[in-house]
C-alpha cells in the first residue's frame, strides 16, 4: 500500500461512493415496494443522462429541438423520467403480475437492452464529453495535510458538489419513505400486498409510483455521473458497482444503500492506491470480494433485516 495516497483515496472514495449510493437507492426502493430486483437501473441512469444532455441543447449542430439552461433541462429530464418510470411499470411490469419471479427478472433484463438500443438510435454511440456542468471539472480545493502526497489533499469542486447533492437527495427519499402518506403506503405494500389491499391501499398505484420515483433517482444519478464523466452508452455499466453496494448495505435498507455505496467507493480507491500492480488493476472486482466476505459473516448485509419464515 502506498500510504501517502491513503488520505486522498479515502476522501475521493467517500465522494465517489455518494453517487453509487444514490443510484443504488432506486433499486432498493423498487425492491422494498414490489420485491422486484430491477436489473435495468443502470440503463435508466444512461437514459436520464442523455435526456438532460438533449434538453440542454448540447448537440450544438444548430438543429437542437431544445436549448434550455441546465437547471430547466434537469427539471425537464426528471419529469420525463418520472413519466417513463410509471409507463415502464404500467406497460411492461404490471402485465407480469402473478408470473414467476424469474420471468419478471428476465423482463427487467430485456428492458435494459431495449433502453440501450433506443438510446443508441436516438443519441448515437459516441460519448458526449460536452455534458453541461455548473462548475468546471478541473477546479479543485487544496487541503493541507502533512501525511498526504505532496502534503496536500486535492478535491475536485464538482465532485464535492455532486456528493452533496447525492446525500441531500438520499435524505429526501428516506424522509419521503418514512413520513409521507405515499411512503408509508409503500412500506405497507412491501410487507404484505394482500393485507395492504385489505386496508384500502391501491397496491398497483404504489408499484407505479415506486417505479416513477426510481426513474427520477436514476436520472438524478445519471446527471451527476455525466457531469463528471460525460454522457455515453457505457455509463450504464455503473450497475456492476451498485449491485454489490445494495447487497452490502442490505437489500431492504435505504440508508444502507448510501452507506454501501460509500464503502464500495472507498474500497475501490484503496485498491487503486496499492503498489502491487495486480492488486491495483483489480479495482473492478474488489467490491465483489468485499461483498463475499461480508455476506459470509452477515448474509442479510450490514443493515438488512433477518427474516424467519416457516417452511
Foldseek 3Di string as FASTA:
>chain_A
DQQQAQVLLLVQLLLQLLLLLLLLLLQLLLCLQPVARQPQSLLLLLQLLVQLCLQCVVVPPVPRPHNDPSVVSLVVSLVVLLVVLLCCCVPQVPVCPPPDSVVNNVSSVVVNVVSLVVCCVPPNFDFALPRDDPDDQPDWDWDAACSHVVRTHIGGPLSVVLSVVSVVVLVVVVCCLPPPPLNVLSNVSSVPVVVSVVVPRPSSVSSSSSSSVSSSSSSSSSSSVCNNVTRGSCSSCSSLQQVLQCQQLFSNDSVSSSVSSSVLSSQLSVQCSDPDPVSNVCSSCRSVVVSVVQCVVPVRHDNYDDDDDDD
